[in-house]
Amino acid sequence: MSVVEIGKPAPGFELHDQSENLYRLSDCLGRWVVLFFYPKDNTPGCTAEVCDFNCEYDGLQTLQVELLGISTDSRRSHQKFAEKHQLKFPILSDREGRVALAYGSLFRLGPFKVAKRDSFIINPQGDIAAIYRSVKAKGHGRFMYEELQKIMAGG
């Protein structure tokens, strides 16, 4: 398992979103990135968290921030989830849990691999700027928006 640290390069990845688009972290160089892992589509906590991020999406776009959600659910599950909640941003499918593992955000539940509720802010150089572990689902999108504003302002 990789250990991510503030100031160190963020682990790269290539994953597909709910619309079959391929996302590479390397394509986000030059932009701030909010990367959040969540356990499962259509569960109460995860739905609250993802919908909260959806509410903050326009503000993040104004700041020119890339917002990416990741779970170990299938693309089909993500597609239904995104349609149901009219998500404005990509949610990426990490079926094998490799990306979650690289970020120290993988939990094993018997034979199942599930992402922990962790979030990361990645700077335009591709380095980890902030790490948030085991976050509360409700209000997390707003919290991350406010944290990002502080970090971008240099504080």
N, C-alpha and C. Protein backbone atom coordinates (compact mmCIF):
# COMPACT_ATOMS: atom_id res chain seq x y z
N MET A 1 0.84 -1.19 0.00
CA MET A 1 0.00 0.00 0.00
C MET A 1 0.88 1.24 0.00
N SER A 2 0.57 2.19 -0.85
CA SER A 2 1.27 3.46 -0.88
C SER A 2 0.81 4.31 0.29
N VAL A 3 1.70 5.17 0.71
CA VAL A 3 1.34 6.13 1.74
C VAL A 3 1.38 7.50 1.09
N VAL A 4 0.24 8.16 1.03
CA VAL A 4 0.21 9.50 0.47
C VAL A 4 0.55 10.49 1.58
N GLU A 5 1.30 11.50 1.21
CA GLU A 5 1.71 12.52 2.16
C GLU A 5 1.54 13.90 1.55
N ILE A 6 1.24 14.86 2.39
CA ILE A 6 1.14 16.24 1.94
C ILE A 6 2.50 16.66 1.38
N GLY A 7 2.47 17.28 0.22
CA GLY A 7 3.69 17.74 -0.44
C GLY A 7 4.31 16.73 -1.38
N LYS A 8 3.82 15.50 -1.35
CA LYS A 8 4.34 14.45 -2.24
C LYS A 8 3.41 14.29 -3.45
N PRO A 9 3.92 13.73 -4.55
CA PRO A 9 3.07 13.53 -5.73
C PRO A 9 1.87 12.63 -5.43
N ALA A 10 0.72 13.03 -5.96
CA ALA A 10 -0.49 12.21 -5.83
C ALA A 10 -0.35 10.99 -6.74
N PRO A 11 -0.76 9.81 -6.27
CA PRO A 11 -0.71 8.63 -7.14
C PRO A 11 -1.56 8.84 -8.40
N GLY A 12 -0.97 8.54 -9.54
CA GLY A 12 -1.69 8.68 -10.79
C GLY A 12 -2.71 7.57 -10.98
N PHE A 13 -3.64 7.80 -11.88
CA PHE A 13 -4.64 6.77 -12.18
C PHE A 13 -5.28 7.04 -13.53
N GLU A 14 -5.90 5.99 -14.05
CA GLU A 14 -6.75 6.04 -15.24
C GLU A 14 -8.00 5.25 -14.90
N LEU A 15 -9.14 5.93 -14.86
CA LEU A 15 -10.41 5.28 -14.54
C LEU A 15 -11.51 5.84 -15.44
N HIS A 16 -12.54 5.05 -15.66
CA HIS A 16 -13.70 5.48 -16.43
C HIS A 16 -14.79 6.02 -15.50
N ASP A 17 -15.53 6.99 -16.02
CA ASP A 17 -16.65 7.54 -15.26
C ASP A 17 -17.96 6.88 -15.66
N GLN A 18 -19.05 7.44 -15.16
CA GLN A 18 -20.38 6.88 -15.39
C GLN A 18 -20.80 6.95 -16.86
N SER A 19 -20.13 7.77 -17.66
CA SER A 19 -20.46 7.91 -19.08
C SER A 19 -19.42 7.27 -19.98
N GLU A 20 -18.57 6.41 -19.41
CA GLU A 20 -17.52 5.69 -20.15
C GLU A 20 -16.35 6.58 -20.55
N ASN A 21 -16.28 7.81 -20.05
CA ASN A 21 -15.15 8.69 -20.34
C ASN A 21 -13.95 8.27 -19.50
N LEU A 22 -12.77 8.31 -20.08
CA LEU A 22 -11.55 7.95 -19.37
C LEU A 22 -10.97 9.20 -18.71
N TYR A 23 -10.67 9.10 -17.43
CA TYR A 23 -10.05 10.18 -16.67
C TYR A 23 -8.68 9.74 -16.20
N ARG A 24 -7.70 10.61 -16.45
CA ARG A 24 -6.34 10.40 -15.96
C ARG A 24 -6.01 11.57 -15.05
N LEU A 25 -5.42 11.29 -13.91
CA LEU A 25 -5.02 12.39 -13.03
C LEU A 25 -4.03 13.29 -13.75
N SER A 26 -3.18 12.72 -14.56
CA SER A 26 -2.17 13.51 -15.29
C SER A 26 -2.81 14.55 -16.21
N ASP A 27 -4.04 14.31 -16.66
CA ASP A 27 -4.74 15.28 -17.50
C ASP A 27 -5.18 16.51 -16.71
N CYS A 28 -5.12 16.43 -15.40
CA CYS A 28 -5.56 17.53 -14.54
C CYS A 28 -4.41 18.44 -14.11
N LEU A 29 -3.19 18.13 -14.55
CA LEU A 29 -2.06 18.99 -14.20
C LEU A 29 -2.36 20.42 -14.64
N GLY A 30 -2.01 21.37 -13.79
CA GLY A 30 -2.31 22.77 -14.07
C GLY A 30 -3.60 23.24 -13.43
N ARG A 31 -4.35 22.31 -12.83
CA ARG A 31 -5.61 22.65 -12.15
C ARG A 31 -5.61 22.05 -10.75
N TRP A 32 -6.33 22.69 -9.86
CA TRP A 32 -6.58 22.10 -8.55
C TRP A 32 -7.58 20.96 -8.74
N VAL A 33 -7.46 19.94 -7.90
CA VAL A 33 -8.36 18.78 -7.96
C VAL A 33 -8.88 18.47 -6.57
N VAL A 34 -10.18 18.27 -6.45
CA VAL A 34 -10.77 17.68 -5.24
C VAL A 34 -11.12 16.25 -5.62
N LEU A 35 -10.45 15.32 -4.95
CA LEU A 35 -10.65 13.89 -5.19
C LEU A 35 -11.27 13.30 -3.93
N PHE A 36 -12.48 12.76 -4.05
CA PHE A 36 -13.09 12.18 -2.86
C PHE A 36 -13.52 10.74 -3.13
N PHE A 37 -13.21 9.90 -2.16
CA PHE A 37 -13.60 8.50 -2.19
C PHE A 37 -14.84 8.34 -1.32
N TYR A 38 -15.75 7.49 -1.76
CA TYR A 38 -16.93 7.19 -0.96
C TYR A 38 -17.24 5.70 -1.10
N PRO A 39 -17.89 5.11 -0.08
CA PRO A 39 -18.06 3.65 -0.06
C PRO A 39 -19.00 3.06 -1.11
N LYS A 40 -20.22 3.60 -1.27
CA LYS A 40 -21.19 2.86 -2.08
C LYS A 40 -22.29 3.78 -2.61
N ASP A 41 -22.61 3.61 -3.88
CA ASP A 41 -23.74 4.33 -4.48
C ASP A 41 -25.04 3.96 -3.77
N ASN A 42 -25.94 4.94 -3.69
CA ASN A 42 -27.31 4.73 -3.21
C ASN A 42 -27.44 4.32 -1.76
N THR A 43 -26.44 4.60 -0.94
CA THR A 43 -26.59 4.43 0.50
C THR A 43 -26.84 5.82 1.08
N PRO A 44 -27.49 5.92 2.24
CA PRO A 44 -27.86 7.24 2.75
C PRO A 44 -26.68 8.21 2.92
N GLY A 45 -25.60 7.76 3.55
CA GLY A 45 -24.45 8.64 3.77
C GLY A 45 -23.78 9.06 2.47
N CYS A 46 -23.59 8.11 1.59
CA CYS A 46 -22.91 8.40 0.32
C CYS A 46 -23.77 9.30 -0.56
N THR A 47 -25.06 9.07 -0.56
CA THR A 47 -25.96 9.92 -1.33
C THR A 47 -25.90 11.35 -0.80
N ALA A 48 -25.92 11.51 0.52
CA ALA A 48 -25.84 12.85 1.12
C ALA A 48 -24.52 13.53 0.73
N GLU A 49 -23.42 12.79 0.80
CA GLU A 49 -22.11 13.36 0.48
C GLU A 49 -22.03 13.77 -0.99
N VAL A 50 -22.41 12.88 -1.88
CA VAL A 50 -22.31 13.15 -3.31
C VAL A 50 -23.24 14.30 -3.70
N CYS A 51 -24.44 14.32 -3.16
CA CYS A 51 -25.37 15.41 -3.48
C CYS A 51 -24.88 16.74 -2.91
N ASP A 52 -24.20 16.70 -1.77
CA ASP A 52 -23.62 17.91 -1.20
C ASP A 52 -22.52 18.45 -2.13
N PHE A 53 -21.68 17.57 -2.64
CA PHE A 53 -20.68 18.00 -3.62
C PHE A 53 -21.36 18.56 -4.87
N ASN A 54 -22.46 17.96 -5.28
CA ASN A 54 -23.19 18.44 -6.45
C ASN A 54 -23.66 19.88 -6.25
N CYS A 55 -24.08 20.20 -5.03
CA CYS A 55 -24.51 21.56 -4.70
C CYS A 55 -23.35 22.56 -4.78
N GLU A 56 -22.14 22.10 -4.52
CA GLU A 56 -20.96 22.97 -4.53
C GLU A 56 -20.27 22.99 -5.89
N TYR A 57 -20.76 22.20 -6.83
CA TYR A 57 -20.07 22.05 -8.12
C TYR A 57 -19.88 23.37 -8.86
N ASP A 58 -20.91 24.19 -8.94
CA ASP A 58 -20.79 25.44 -9.69
C ASP A 58 -19.73 26.36 -9.08
N GLY A 59 -19.68 26.42 -7.76
CA GLY A 59 -18.66 27.22 -7.08
C GLY A 59 -17.26 26.69 -7.36
N LEU A 60 -17.12 25.37 -7.37
CA LEU A 60 -15.82 24.77 -7.68
C LEU A 60 -15.42 25.06 -9.12
N GLN A 61 -16.39 25.05 -10.02
CA GLN A 61 -16.10 25.37 -11.42
C GLN A 61 -15.64 26.81 -11.57
N THR A 62 -16.24 27.72 -10.79
CA THR A 62 -15.82 29.12 -10.81
C THR A 62 -14.35 29.25 -10.41
N LEU A 63 -13.92 28.39 -9.49
CA LEU A 63 -12.51 28.38 -9.05
C LEU A 63 -11.63 27.57 -10.00
N GLN A 64 -12.22 27.01 -11.05
CA GLN A 64 -11.53 26.16 -12.04
C GLN A 64 -10.92 24.92 -11.38
N VAL A 65 -11.73 24.29 -10.54
CA VAL A 65 -11.32 23.08 -9.82
C VAL A 65 -11.97 21.86 -10.46
N GLU A 66 -11.18 20.80 -10.62
CA GLU A 66 -11.70 19.51 -11.12
C GLU A 66 -12.22 18.72 -9.92
N LEU A 67 -13.47 18.30 -9.96
CA LEU A 67 -14.08 17.51 -8.90
C LEU A 67 -14.25 16.09 -9.40
N LEU A 68 -13.67 15.12 -8.68
CA LEU A 68 -13.75 13.71 -9.06
C LEU A 68 -14.14 12.87 -7.86
N GLY A 69 -15.22 12.11 -7.98
CA GLY A 69 -15.61 11.14 -6.97
C GLY A 69 -15.18 9.75 -7.41
N ILE A 70 -14.81 8.90 -6.45
CA ILE A 70 -14.38 7.53 -6.77
C ILE A 70 -14.99 6.56 -5.76
N SER A 71 -15.53 5.45 -6.28
CA SER A 71 -15.91 4.32 -5.42
C SER A 71 -15.61 3.04 -6.18
N THR A 72 -15.79 1.93 -5.51
CA THR A 72 -15.53 0.63 -6.14
C THR A 72 -16.77 0.09 -6.86
N ASP A 73 -17.82 0.88 -6.95
CA ASP A 73 -19.02 0.46 -7.68
C ASP A 73 -18.74 0.39 -9.18
N SER A 74 -19.59 -0.32 -9.89
CA SER A 74 -19.46 -0.47 -11.34
C SER A 74 -19.86 0.82 -12.06
N ARG A 75 -19.44 0.93 -13.31
CA ARG A 75 -19.84 2.08 -14.12
C ARG A 75 -21.36 2.13 -14.27
N ARG A 76 -21.97 0.98 -14.42
CA ARG A 76 -23.44 0.92 -14.56
C ARG A 76 -24.12 1.46 -13.30
N SER A 77 -23.62 1.06 -12.14
CA SER A 77 -24.16 1.57 -10.88
C SER A 77 -23.99 3.09 -10.81
N HIS A 78 -22.80 3.55 -11.20
CA HIS A 78 -22.53 4.99 -11.21
C HIS A 78 -23.47 5.72 -12.18
N GLN A 79 -23.71 5.11 -13.32
CA GLN A 79 -24.58 5.73 -14.32
C GLN A 79 -25.99 5.95 -13.75
N LYS A 80 -26.54 4.91 -13.14
CA LYS A 80 -27.88 5.01 -12.54
C LYS A 80 -27.90 6.04 -11.41
N PHE A 81 -26.86 5.99 -10.56
CA PHE A 81 -26.74 6.89 -9.42
C PHE A 81 -26.65 8.35 -9.91
N ALA A 82 -25.81 8.59 -10.91
CA ALA A 82 -25.63 9.94 -11.44
C ALA A 82 -26.91 10.46 -12.08
N GLU A 83 -27.61 9.60 -12.81
CA GLU A 83 -28.87 10.01 -13.44
C GLU A 83 -29.93 10.31 -12.39
N LYS A 84 -30.03 9.45 -11.39
CA LYS A 84 -31.03 9.61 -10.34
C LYS A 84 -30.87 10.94 -9.61
N HIS A 85 -29.61 11.34 -9.38
CA HIS A 85 -29.34 12.55 -8.59
C HIS A 85 -28.86 13.72 -9.44
N GLN A 86 -28.93 13.57 -10.77
CA GLN A 86 -28.55 14.62 -11.72
C GLN A 86 -27.17 15.20 -11.39
N LEU A 87 -26.19 14.31 -11.23
CA LEU A 87 -24.84 14.76 -10.89
C LEU A 87 -24.21 15.51 -12.04
N LYS A 88 -23.51 16.57 -11.71
CA LYS A 88 -22.86 17.43 -12.70
C LYS A 88 -21.39 17.07 -12.90
N PHE A 89 -20.88 16.15 -12.13
CA PHE A 89 -19.45 15.84 -12.16
C PHE A 89 -19.24 14.34 -12.32
N PRO A 90 -18.04 13.94 -12.73
CA PRO A 90 -17.77 12.51 -12.93
C PRO A 90 -17.57 11.74 -11.62
N ILE A 91 -18.13 10.54 -11.59
CA ILE A 91 -17.81 9.59 -10.52
C ILE A 91 -17.14 8.40 -11.21
N LEU A 92 -15.98 8.07 -10.72
CA LEU A 92 -15.11 7.10 -11.37
C LEU A 92 -15.23 5.72 -10.73
N SER A 93 -15.15 4.71 -11.56
CA SER A 93 -15.28 3.32 -11.11
C SER A 93 -13.91 2.69 -10.90
N ASP A 94 -13.62 2.35 -9.65
CA ASP A 94 -12.36 1.70 -9.25
C ASP A 94 -12.70 0.28 -8.78
N ARG A 95 -13.22 -0.54 -9.70
CA ARG A 95 -13.74 -1.88 -9.36
C ARG A 95 -12.75 -2.73 -8.58
N GLU A 96 -11.49 -2.71 -8.95
CA GLU A 96 -10.48 -3.54 -8.28
C GLU A 96 -9.95 -2.90 -7.01
N GLY A 97 -10.27 -1.63 -6.78
CA GLY A 97 -9.81 -0.94 -5.58
C GLY A 97 -8.35 -0.52 -5.63
N ARG A 98 -7.75 -0.53 -6.80
CA ARG A 98 -6.32 -0.21 -6.91
C ARG A 98 -6.03 1.26 -6.58
N VAL A 99 -6.88 2.14 -7.06
CA VAL A 99 -6.65 3.56 -6.79
C VAL A 99 -6.91 3.86 -5.31
N ALA A 100 -7.99 3.31 -4.78
CA ALA A 100 -8.28 3.49 -3.36
C ALA A 100 -7.11 2.97 -2.52
N LEU A 101 -6.56 1.84 -2.89
CA LEU A 101 -5.41 1.28 -2.18
C LEU A 101 -4.22 2.22 -2.25
N ALA A 102 -3.94 2.78 -3.42
CA ALA A 102 -2.81 3.69 -3.60
C ALA A 102 -2.93 4.93 -2.72
N TYR A 103 -4.16 5.33 -2.43
CA TYR A 103 -4.39 6.50 -1.58
C TYR A 103 -4.61 6.13 -0.11
N GLY A 104 -4.45 4.86 0.22
CA GLY A 104 -4.66 4.43 1.60
C GLY A 104 -6.12 4.48 1.99
N SER A 105 -7.01 4.34 1.01
CA SER A 105 -8.44 4.51 1.23
C SER A 105 -9.25 3.26 0.91
N LEU A 106 -8.64 2.09 1.03
CA LEU A 106 -9.36 0.85 0.74
C LEU A 106 -9.65 0.10 2.02
N PHE A 107 -10.89 -0.38 2.11
CA PHE A 107 -11.35 -1.16 3.25
C PHE A 107 -11.85 -2.49 2.72
N ARG A 108 -11.47 -3.55 3.37
CA ARG A 108 -11.96 -4.88 2.96
C ARG A 108 -13.07 -5.30 3.92
N LEU A 109 -14.20 -5.65 3.33
CA LEU A 109 -15.36 -6.11 4.08
C LEU A 109 -15.64 -7.52 3.60
N GLY A 110 -15.01 -8.50 4.27
CA GLY A 110 -15.08 -9.87 3.80
C GLY A 110 -14.43 -9.95 2.43
N PRO A 111 -15.14 -10.50 1.44
CA PRO A 111 -14.55 -10.60 0.10
C PRO A 111 -14.67 -9.29 -0.70
N PHE A 112 -15.33 -8.29 -0.14
CA PHE A 112 -15.58 -7.05 -0.87
C PHE A 112 -14.52 -6.00 -0.58
N LYS A 113 -14.21 -5.22 -1.61
CA LYS A 113 -13.31 -4.08 -1.48
C LYS A 113 -14.16 -2.82 -1.56
N VAL A 114 -14.03 -1.97 -0.56
CA VAL A 114 -14.85 -0.77 -0.47
C VAL A 114 -13.93 0.43 -0.20
N ALA A 115 -14.23 1.55 -0.83
CA ALA A 115 -13.46 2.77 -0.58
C ALA A 115 -13.90 3.37 0.75
N LYS A 116 -12.94 3.89 1.49
CA LYS A 116 -13.24 4.63 2.71
C LYS A 116 -13.69 6.04 2.32
N ARG A 117 -14.30 6.72 3.27
CA ARG A 117 -14.76 8.09 3.02
C ARG A 117 -13.61 9.06 3.31
N ASP A 118 -12.70 9.17 2.34
CA ASP A 118 -11.52 10.03 2.44
C ASP A 118 -11.51 11.01 1.28
N SER A 119 -10.91 12.17 1.51
CA SER A 119 -10.83 13.19 0.46
C SER A 119 -9.43 13.79 0.40
N PHE A 120 -9.09 14.27 -0.79
CA PHE A 120 -7.76 14.82 -1.03
C PHE A 120 -7.88 16.07 -1.89
N ILE A 121 -7.06 17.06 -1.58
CA ILE A 121 -6.91 18.21 -2.45
C ILE A 121 -5.53 18.08 -3.09
N ILE A 122 -5.52 18.17 -4.41
CA ILE A 122 -4.28 18.02 -5.18
C ILE A 122 -4.02 19.36 -5.88
N ASN A 123 -2.79 19.85 -5.74
CA ASN A 123 -2.45 21.15 -6.31
C ASN A 123 -2.18 21.05 -7.81
N PRO A 124 -2.04 22.18 -8.49
CA PRO A 124 -1.84 22.16 -9.94
C PRO A 124 -0.55 21.45 -10.39
N GLN A 125 0.40 21.27 -9.50
CA GLN A 125 1.63 20.55 -9.82
C GLN A 125 1.47 19.04 -9.67
N GLY A 126 0.31 18.60 -9.17
CA GLY A 126 0.04 17.18 -9.00
C GLY A 126 0.45 16.63 -7.66
N ASP A 127 0.71 17.52 -6.70
CA ASP A 127 1.10 17.09 -5.35
C ASP A 127 -0.09 17.16 -4.40
N ILE A 128 -0.06 16.32 -3.38
CA ILE A 128 -1.10 16.33 -2.35
C ILE A 128 -0.98 17.61 -1.54
N ALA A 129 -2.04 18.41 -1.50
CA ALA A 129 -2.05 19.65 -0.73
C ALA A 129 -2.75 19.47 0.62
N ALA A 130 -3.70 18.53 0.70
CA ALA A 130 -4.44 18.29 1.94
C ALA A 130 -5.06 16.90 1.90
N ILE A 131 -5.16 16.30 3.08
CA ILE A 131 -5.74 14.96 3.24
C ILE A 131 -6.79 15.01 4.33
N TYR A 132 -7.94 14.43 4.07
CA TYR A 132 -9.04 14.37 5.04
C TYR A 132 -9.49 12.91 5.13
N ARG A 133 -9.30 12.30 6.27
CA ARG A 133 -9.62 10.88 6.46
C ARG A 133 -10.92 10.72 7.25
N SER A 134 -11.68 9.70 6.89
CA SER A 134 -12.91 9.32 7.61
C SER A 134 -13.80 10.52 7.87
N VAL A 135 -14.13 11.21 6.82
CA VAL A 135 -14.90 12.45 6.94
C VAL A 135 -16.38 12.16 7.18
N LYS A 136 -17.08 13.16 7.68
CA LYS A 136 -18.53 13.08 7.82
C LYS A 136 -19.15 13.34 6.46
N ALA A 137 -20.14 12.56 6.11
CA ALA A 137 -20.76 12.67 4.79
C ALA A 137 -21.53 13.98 4.63
N LYS A 138 -22.38 14.28 5.57
CA LYS A 138 -23.25 15.45 5.46
C LYS A 138 -22.42 16.73 5.62
N GLY A 139 -22.56 17.62 4.66
CA GLY A 139 -21.86 18.89 4.70
C GLY A 139 -20.42 18.84 4.21
N HIS A 140 -19.99 17.66 3.75
CA HIS A 140 -18.58 17.53 3.36
C HIS A 140 -18.25 18.32 2.10
N GLY A 141 -19.15 18.41 1.16
CA GLY A 141 -18.91 19.19 -0.04
C GLY A 141 -18.64 20.65 0.29
N ARG A 142 -19.47 21.21 1.16
CA ARG A 142 -19.29 22.61 1.57
C ARG A 142 -17.97 22.78 2.31
N PHE A 143 -17.67 21.85 3.21
CA PHE A 143 -16.42 21.89 3.96
C PHE A 143 -15.22 21.90 3.01
N MET A 144 -15.24 21.02 2.02
CA MET A 144 -14.12 20.93 1.07
C MET A 144 -14.01 22.21 0.23
N TYR A 145 -15.13 22.78 -0.14
CA TYR A 145 -15.11 24.04 -0.89
C TYR A 145 -14.44 25.13 -0.07
N GLU A 146 -14.80 25.23 1.20
CA GLU A 146 -14.21 26.25 2.08
C GLU A 146 -12.73 25.98 2.34
N GLU A 147 -12.37 24.72 2.53
CA GLU A 147 -10.96 24.36 2.73
C GLU A 147 -10.13 24.70 1.49
N LEU A 148 -10.67 24.40 0.35
CA LEU A 148 -9.97 24.68 -0.90
C LEU A 148 -9.74 26.18 -1.08
N GLN A 149 -10.73 26.98 -0.76
CA GLN A 149 -10.57 28.43 -0.85
C GLN A 149 -9.43 28.91 0.05
N LYS A 150 -9.35 28.38 1.27
CA LYS A 150 -8.27 28.76 2.19
C LYS A 150 -6.91 28.36 1.62
N ILE A 151 -6.82 27.14 1.13
CA ILE A 151 -5.54 26.64 0.61
C ILE A 151 -5.12 27.44 -0.62
N MET A 152 -6.06 27.71 -1.50
CA MET A 152 -5.74 28.47 -2.71
C MET A 152 -5.32 29.90 -2.39
N ALA A 153 -5.82 30.43 -1.27
CA ALA A 153 -5.46 31.79 -0.85
C ALA A 153 -4.12 31.81 -0.11
N GLY A 154 -3.55 30.63 0.08
CA GLY A 154 -2.24 30.56 0.74
C GLY A 154 -2.30 30.35 2.23
N GLY A 155 -3.47 30.01 2.73
CA GLY A 155 -3.57 29.84 4.17
C GLY A 155 -4.10 28.53 4.51
